[in-house]
């Protein structure tokens, strides 16, 4: 497993990252700990979590269980130095965390300490804001995105307040690097410009959705990432399981995400199915497991990527890890590009 630098930091992360959003809910602690061990054995040193996890569903009473599960593994194994741990503070929400009030500098100071306690560690390697407080076009909100109600000065003031709090945490040794999630090119550039001007911590990464079926990142965000040295932490690289092929022909396996969430957060549309079938046919034509093709494709991008994948069970993880050394031939990449042109925005 290759390693890459996280932004302009000296933190080296594997090109795949184990997502832990089911830990403490669908994935019990024993299996979660097994998954961490398996990932380390496969060369993966990067774990991603968030204070609001687990999901499916998100509930106030389960907030923090994923962090706690990781913390219990750290304490049990003593292998803290072998992993890079990333977590996130929640934006405004329906009431899952802090009664829904999101984050500012004061909340950051409180939330960092809470996450450190749950993770049972002295330092968080990467601390991220889960989504912008001004709003975001992610999660299918791009179809009706309207930024006209944003107040630019209010946004700038908020960013400085947050960056100053994060700077305190860095100086105190509580966090090593910072990142955003579900952010735009304009937002990332403003975070970086403000930080550079004031000598404050710089965004090292951005965690946005990115897969064969969701390629909003490919234009403005890609240009931002290359020019500003920002690493993409791509979430849902398997499109919530769609790219595994398990939902073909109307199948909805018991306990699967679709059985819980229905339309997979707006990903299930009429035009998605022919796009999915086209990608599955490319994989079949070349004798590739579609899971391995989707994950290997992330390595082909012209910007730095660490792909965050999740597995509900260690059995699923075994299948994913079997493709860790897959390299896509140029003809497969060309056929993937052709499918993208034919099916550019499936959802």
Protein backbone atom coordinates (compact mmCIF):
# COMPACT_ATOMS: atom_id res chain seq x y z
CA UNK A 1 0.00 0.00 0.00
CA UNK A 2 1.52 3.28 -1.14
CA UNK A 3 1.73 6.26 1.25
CA UNK A 4 1.22 9.92 0.42
CA UNK A 5 1.75 13.16 2.30
CA UNK A 6 -1.36 14.71 3.80
CA UNK A 7 -1.40 18.13 2.15
CA UNK A 8 1.77 20.05 2.99
CA UNK A 9 2.24 18.25 6.30
CA UNK A 10 4.76 15.56 7.18
CA UNK A 11 1.92 13.15 8.00
CA UNK A 12 2.08 10.12 5.69
CA UNK A 13 -1.18 8.29 5.07
CA UNK A 14 -2.02 5.19 3.06
CA UNK A 15 -3.82 5.65 -0.26
CA UNK A 16 -6.77 3.81 1.26
CA UNK A 17 -8.40 4.78 4.56
CA UNK A 18 -10.64 2.65 6.77
CA UNK A 19 -13.92 4.44 7.40
CA UNK A 20 -15.54 3.65 10.73
CA UNK A 21 -19.02 5.13 10.45
CA UNK A 22 -20.71 1.80 11.25
CA UNK A 23 -18.57 1.09 14.32
CA UNK A 24 -20.77 0.88 17.41
CA UNK A 25 -23.99 0.26 15.49
CA UNK A 26 -24.03 -2.16 12.54
CA UNK A 27 -20.47 -3.21 13.33
CA UNK A 28 -20.02 -4.45 16.92
CA UNK A 29 -16.78 -3.67 18.74
CA UNK A 30 -15.20 -7.11 18.36
CA UNK A 31 -15.58 -7.03 14.58
CA UNK A 32 -14.54 -3.36 14.42
CA UNK A 33 -11.30 -4.15 16.21
CA UNK A 34 -10.72 -7.08 13.87
CA UNK A 35 -11.17 -4.72 10.90
CA UNK A 36 -8.55 -2.31 12.23
CA UNK A 37 -6.08 -5.18 12.70
CA UNK A 38 -6.81 -6.49 9.19
CA UNK A 39 -6.33 -3.04 7.68
CA UNK A 40 -2.98 -2.56 9.40
CA UNK A 41 -1.87 -5.97 8.15
CA UNK A 42 -2.78 -4.83 4.61
CA UNK A 43 -0.68 -1.68 4.90
CA UNK A 44 -3.49 0.76 5.71
CA UNK A 45 -2.50 3.16 8.49
CA UNK A 46 -5.36 5.67 8.23
CA UNK A 47 -8.63 5.63 10.22
CA UNK A 48 -11.45 8.13 9.69
CA UNK A 49 -14.26 8.78 12.12
CA UNK A 50 -16.44 11.65 13.41
CA UNK A 51 -18.00 12.69 16.66
CA UNK A 52 -21.53 12.05 15.30
CA UNK A 53 -20.81 8.47 14.11
CA UNK A 54 -22.16 5.79 13.90
CA UNK A 55 -24.70 6.25 11.11
CA UNK A 56 -27.54 4.10 9.73
CA UNK A 57 -29.23 5.76 11.49
CA UNK A 58 -27.60 8.72 13.26
CA UNK A 59 -29.08 9.08 16.74
CA UNK A 60 -28.24 11.36 19.63
CA UNK A 61 -27.90 8.36 21.94
CA UNK A 62 -25.22 6.72 19.77
CA UNK A 63 -23.13 9.84 19.06
CA UNK A 64 -19.47 9.16 19.84
CA UNK A 65 -19.61 5.36 19.79
CA UNK A 66 -17.35 5.08 16.73
CA UNK A 67 -14.68 7.25 18.37
CA UNK A 68 -15.07 5.25 21.57
CA UNK A 69 -14.65 1.97 19.69
CA UNK A 70 -11.38 3.21 18.18
CA UNK A 71 -10.27 4.47 21.59
CA UNK A 72 -10.89 1.07 23.13
CA UNK A 73 -8.77 -0.52 20.40
CA UNK A 74 -5.94 1.95 21.05
CA UNK A 75 -5.99 1.23 24.77
CA UNK A 76 -6.29 -2.54 24.29
CA UNK A 77 -3.51 -2.87 21.72
CA UNK A 78 -1.12 -0.04 22.54
CA UNK A 79 -0.63 0.46 18.78
CA UNK A 80 -1.45 4.19 18.70
CA UNK A 81 1.77 5.07 16.88
CA UNK A 82 0.86 2.78 13.98
CA UNK A 83 -2.28 4.66 12.96
CA UNK A 84 -3.18 8.12 11.71
CA UNK A 85 -6.51 9.04 13.31
CA UNK A 86 -8.88 11.57 11.74
CA UNK A 87 -12.14 12.79 13.24
CA UNK A 88 -14.63 15.61 12.67
CA UNK A 89 -16.69 18.20 14.52
CA UNK A 90 -20.33 18.35 13.41
CA UNK A 91 -21.89 21.27 11.59
CA UNK A 92 -25.43 22.41 12.29
CA UNK A 93 -27.63 19.31 12.50
CA UNK A 94 -31.13 18.11 13.42
CA UNK A 95 -30.15 17.77 17.06
CA UNK A 96 -27.82 14.78 17.08
CA UNK A 97 -24.88 16.74 18.55
CA UNK A 98 -24.97 19.75 20.92
CA UNK A 99 -28.65 20.31 20.19
CA UNK A 100 -27.82 20.97 16.56
CA UNK A 101 -25.90 24.22 17.02
CA UNK A 102 -22.92 23.40 14.81
CA UNK A 103 -19.47 24.81 15.50
CA UNK A 104 -17.56 28.01 16.12
CA UNK A 105 -14.30 28.65 17.93
CA UNK A 106 -15.80 27.96 21.35
CA UNK A 107 -17.38 24.70 20.22
CA UNK A 108 -14.11 23.59 18.61
CA UNK A 109 -12.28 23.97 21.92
CA UNK A 110 -14.89 21.82 23.67
CA UNK A 111 -15.28 19.26 20.88
CA UNK A 112 -11.56 18.58 20.50
CA UNK A 113 -11.28 17.66 24.17
CA UNK A 114 -14.36 15.45 24.00
CA UNK A 115 -13.02 13.56 20.98
CA UNK A 116 -9.60 13.14 22.61
CA UNK A 117 -11.29 11.58 25.63
CA UNK A 118 -13.36 9.17 23.53
CA UNK A 119 -10.39 8.24 21.36
CA UNK A 120 -8.26 7.70 24.48
CA UNK A 121 -5.32 9.51 22.92
CA UNK A 122 -3.30 12.66 23.53
CA UNK A 123 -3.45 13.91 19.95
CA UNK A 124 -5.76 13.82 16.94
CA UNK A 125 -3.74 13.57 13.73
CA UNK A 126 -6.33 15.22 11.47
CA UNK A 127 -9.21 17.32 12.79
CA UNK A 128 -11.92 18.18 10.28
CA UNK A 129 -15.07 20.29 10.11
CA UNK A 130 -17.82 17.96 8.89
CA UNK A 131 -19.51 20.52 6.64
CA UNK A 132 -19.44 24.31 6.21
CA UNK A 133 -21.65 26.31 8.54
CA UNK A 134 -22.73 28.57 5.66
CA UNK A 135 -24.22 25.58 3.80
CA UNK A 136 -23.01 23.10 1.19
CA UNK A 137 -24.02 21.76 -2.21
CA UNK A 138 -22.99 18.21 -1.25
CA UNK A 139 -25.41 15.33 -0.59
CA UNK A 140 -27.48 16.06 -3.71
CA UNK A 141 -28.12 19.66 -2.65
CA UNK A 142 -26.32 20.76 -5.85
CA UNK A 143 -29.55 20.42 -7.86
CA UNK A 144 -31.10 23.42 -6.11
CA UNK A 145 -28.04 25.09 -4.59
CA UNK A 146 -28.62 28.77 -3.79
CA UNK A 147 -25.75 30.69 -2.13
CA UNK A 148 -27.47 34.07 -2.50
CA UNK A 149 -28.33 34.20 1.20
CA UNK A 150 -24.73 33.88 2.32
CA UNK A 151 -23.05 36.79 4.08
CA UNK A 152 -19.44 37.00 2.93
CA UNK A 153 -18.12 38.97 5.90
CA UNK A 154 -19.91 36.69 8.32
CA UNK A 155 -18.28 33.70 6.61
CA UNK A 156 -14.82 35.29 6.79
CA UNK A 157 -15.26 36.13 10.48
CA UNK A 158 -16.45 32.59 11.21
CA UNK A 159 -13.44 31.09 9.42
CA UNK A 160 -11.02 33.23 11.43
CA UNK A 161 -12.74 32.33 14.70
CA UNK A 162 -12.47 28.62 13.88
CA UNK A 163 -8.88 28.85 12.62
CA UNK A 164 -7.77 30.67 15.77
CA UNK A 165 -9.32 27.96 17.96
CA UNK A 166 -7.67 25.26 15.86
CA UNK A 167 -4.36 27.10 16.16
CA UNK A 168 -4.66 26.96 19.94
CA UNK A 169 -5.24 23.22 19.73
CA UNK A 170 -2.24 22.73 17.46
CA UNK A 171 0.01 24.75 19.76
CA UNK A 172 -1.27 22.75 22.73
CA UNK A 173 -0.33 19.51 20.95
CA UNK A 174 -3.95 18.32 20.76
CA UNK A 175 -4.16 18.16 16.96
CA UNK A 176 -1.53 17.89 14.22
CA UNK A 177 -3.37 18.98 11.05
CA UNK A 178 -6.76 20.28 9.95
CA UNK A 179 -9.15 19.64 7.09
CA UNK A 180 -12.62 20.36 5.77
CA UNK A 181 -15.41 18.10 4.54
CA UNK A 182 -18.19 18.69 2.02
CA UNK A 183 -16.58 21.95 0.98
CA UNK A 184 -16.46 23.90 -2.29
CA UNK A 185 -13.49 25.25 -4.24
CA UNK A 186 -14.33 28.80 -3.16
CA UNK A 187 -14.62 27.72 0.47
CA UNK A 188 -11.34 25.81 0.47
CA UNK A 189 -9.49 28.71 -1.14
CA UNK A 190 -10.84 31.15 1.45
CA UNK A 191 -9.88 28.88 4.35
CA UNK A 192 -6.38 28.60 2.93
CA UNK A 193 -5.97 32.28 2.06
CA UNK A 194 -7.11 33.38 5.51
CA UNK A 195 -4.78 30.91 7.22
CA UNK A 196 -1.77 31.83 5.09
CA UNK A 197 -2.30 35.53 5.63
CA UNK A 198 -2.64 35.21 9.41
CA UNK A 199 -0.05 32.48 9.96
CA UNK A 200 -2.68 29.99 11.13
CA UNK A 201 -3.03 26.24 10.40
CA UNK A 202 -3.62 25.46 6.75
CA UNK A 203 -6.19 23.03 5.39
CA UNK A 204 -4.34 19.85 4.52
CA UNK A 205 -7.30 17.90 3.18
CA UNK A 206 -10.90 17.97 2.09
CA UNK A 207 -13.27 15.05 2.52
CA UNK A 208 -15.83 15.07 -0.30
CA UNK A 209 -17.84 12.33 -1.97
CA UNK A 210 -16.04 10.90 -5.00
CA UNK A 211 -16.65 7.73 -6.97
CA UNK A 212 -17.24 6.49 -10.50
CA UNK A 213 -20.85 7.59 -10.02
CA UNK A 214 -20.16 10.93 -8.31
CA UNK A 215 -17.51 13.09 -9.97
CA UNK A 216 -18.36 16.66 -8.92
CA UNK A 217 -14.76 16.97 -7.69
CA UNK A 218 -13.22 16.65 -11.15
CA UNK A 219 -13.18 20.31 -12.20
CA UNK A 220 -12.87 23.29 -9.83
CA UNK A 221 -12.05 21.17 -6.79
CA UNK A 222 -9.38 19.26 -8.69
CA UNK A 223 -7.74 22.52 -9.78
CA UNK A 224 -7.84 23.82 -6.20
CA UNK A 225 -6.34 20.58 -4.88
CA UNK A 226 -3.43 20.56 -7.32
CA UNK A 227 -2.53 24.22 -6.89
CA UNK A 228 -2.99 24.33 -3.11
CA UNK A 229 -1.61 20.86 -2.28
CA UNK A 230 -4.83 19.65 -0.69
CA UNK A 231 -5.36 15.89 -0.37
CA UNK A 232 -8.79 14.54 -1.25
CA UNK A 233 -10.17 12.07 1.29
CA UNK A 234 -12.81 10.59 -0.97
CA UNK A 235 -15.81 9.17 0.83
CA UNK A 236 -18.27 6.63 -0.61
CA UNK A 237 -15.81 5.40 -3.29
CA UNK A 238 -18.13 2.39 -3.69
CA UNK A 239 -21.20 4.66 -3.89
CA UNK A 240 -22.76 3.24 -0.72
CA UNK A 241 -22.40 -0.27 -2.09
CA UNK A 242 -23.92 0.39 -5.52
CA UNK A 243 -20.59 -0.26 -7.25
CA UNK A 244 -20.30 -3.68 -5.62
CA UNK A 245 -23.18 -4.85 -7.81
CA UNK A 246 -25.12 -6.23 -4.86
CA UNK A 247 -28.24 -4.20 -5.70
CA UNK A 248 -28.58 -5.40 -9.30
CA UNK A 249 -31.92 -6.70 -10.57
CA UNK A 250 -33.82 -5.19 -7.66
CA UNK A 251 -31.93 -7.06 -4.95
CA UNK A 252 -31.89 -5.44 -1.50
CA UNK A 253 -29.85 -7.67 0.83
CA UNK A 254 -31.04 -7.83 4.41
CA UNK A 255 -29.06 -5.48 6.64
CA UNK A 256 -27.67 -3.56 3.65
CA UNK A 257 -27.60 0.21 3.62
CA UNK A 258 -30.43 0.33 1.06
CA UNK A 259 -32.59 -1.82 3.32
CA UNK A 260 -32.17 0.88 5.98
CA UNK A 261 -31.98 4.09 3.95
CA UNK A 262 -34.07 3.35 0.88
CA UNK A 263 -32.76 5.64 -1.84
CA UNK A 264 -29.24 5.84 -0.36
CA UNK A 265 -29.43 9.55 0.29
CA UNK A 266 -30.73 10.41 -3.17
CA UNK A 267 -28.27 8.20 -5.04
CA UNK A 268 -30.93 5.84 -6.38
CA UNK A 269 -32.41 7.47 -9.50
CA UNK A 270 -33.75 6.13 -12.80
CA UNK A 271 -30.64 7.28 -14.68
CA UNK A 272 -28.28 5.78 -12.10
CA UNK A 273 -29.09 2.17 -12.98
CA UNK A 274 -27.92 2.26 -16.63
CA UNK A 275 -24.75 4.09 -15.55
CA UNK A 276 -24.09 1.48 -12.87
CA UNK A 277 -24.71 -1.35 -15.33
CA UNK A 278 -22.23 0.18 -17.77
CA UNK A 279 -19.47 0.26 -15.13
CA UNK A 280 -20.26 -3.29 -14.02
CA UNK A 281 -20.00 -4.43 -17.65
CA UNK A 282 -16.54 -2.85 -17.96
CA UNK A 283 -15.43 -4.80 -14.89
CA UNK A 284 -16.92 -8.06 -16.16
CA UNK A 285 -15.38 -7.62 -19.62
CA UNK A 286 -11.90 -7.40 -18.09
CA UNK A 287 -12.39 -10.05 -15.40
CA UNK A 288 -12.27 -7.52 -12.57
CA UNK A 289 -14.18 -7.55 -9.32
CA UNK A 290 -16.20 -4.29 -9.59
CA UNK A 291 -15.17 -3.42 -6.02
CA UNK A 292 -11.50 -3.69 -6.95
CA UNK A 293 -12.02 -1.70 -10.14
CA UNK A 294 -13.79 1.13 -8.32
CA UNK A 295 -11.13 1.35 -5.64
CA UNK A 296 -8.17 1.03 -8.04
CA UNK A 297 -9.64 3.80 -10.23
CA UNK A 298 -9.19 6.24 -7.34
CA UNK A 299 -5.40 5.83 -7.75
CA UNK A 300 -5.56 6.98 -11.38
CA UNK A 301 -6.69 10.53 -10.64
CA UNK A 302 -4.49 13.58 -11.39
CA UNK A 303 -4.64 14.78 -7.78
CA UNK A 304 -3.74 13.25 -4.42
CA UNK A 305 -6.40 10.87 -3.07
CA UNK A 306 -6.80 8.67 -0.03
CA UNK A 307 -10.02 6.74 -0.58
CA UNK A 308 -12.17 6.16 2.52
CA UNK A 309 -14.04 2.87 2.34
CA UNK A 310 -16.19 1.20 4.97
CA UNK A 311 -17.15 -2.39 5.60
CA UNK A 312 -20.03 -3.44 7.81
CA UNK A 313 -18.37 -6.80 8.46
CA UNK A 314 -14.85 -8.19 8.39
CA UNK A 315 -16.01 -10.57 5.64
CA UNK A 316 -16.80 -7.58 3.42
CA UNK A 317 -13.44 -6.10 4.33
CA UNK A 318 -11.69 -9.28 3.21
CA UNK A 319 -13.20 -8.88 -0.26
CA UNK A 320 -12.15 -5.23 -0.49
CA UNK A 321 -8.60 -5.85 0.72
CA UNK A 322 -8.13 -8.64 -1.81
CA UNK A 323 -7.94 -5.92 -4.47
CA UNK A 324 -5.41 -3.71 -2.72
CA UNK A 325 -2.74 -4.29 -5.36
CA UNK A 326 -5.02 -3.98 -8.40
CA UNK A 327 -3.68 -1.72 -11.14
CA UNK A 328 -6.03 -0.80 -13.99
CA UNK A 329 -4.78 -1.25 -17.55
CA UNK A 330 -4.99 1.82 -19.78
CA UNK A 331 -7.79 0.27 -21.82
CA UNK A 332 -9.94 -0.14 -18.69
CA UNK A 333 -9.36 3.50 -17.74
CA UNK A 334 -10.32 4.56 -21.28
CA UNK A 335 -13.55 2.56 -21.12
CA UNK A 336 -14.36 4.05 -17.71
CA UNK A 337 -13.84 7.51 -19.19
CA UNK A 338 -16.22 6.66 -22.03
CA UNK A 339 -18.91 5.52 -19.60
CA UNK A 340 -18.50 8.76 -17.67
CA UNK A 341 -19.06 10.82 -20.83
CA UNK A 342 -22.19 8.81 -21.61
CA UNK A 343 -23.50 8.98 -18.01
CA UNK A 344 -22.00 12.17 -16.51
CA UNK A 345 -24.24 12.81 -13.49
CA UNK A 346 -26.23 9.70 -12.58
CA UNK A 347 -27.49 11.25 -9.32
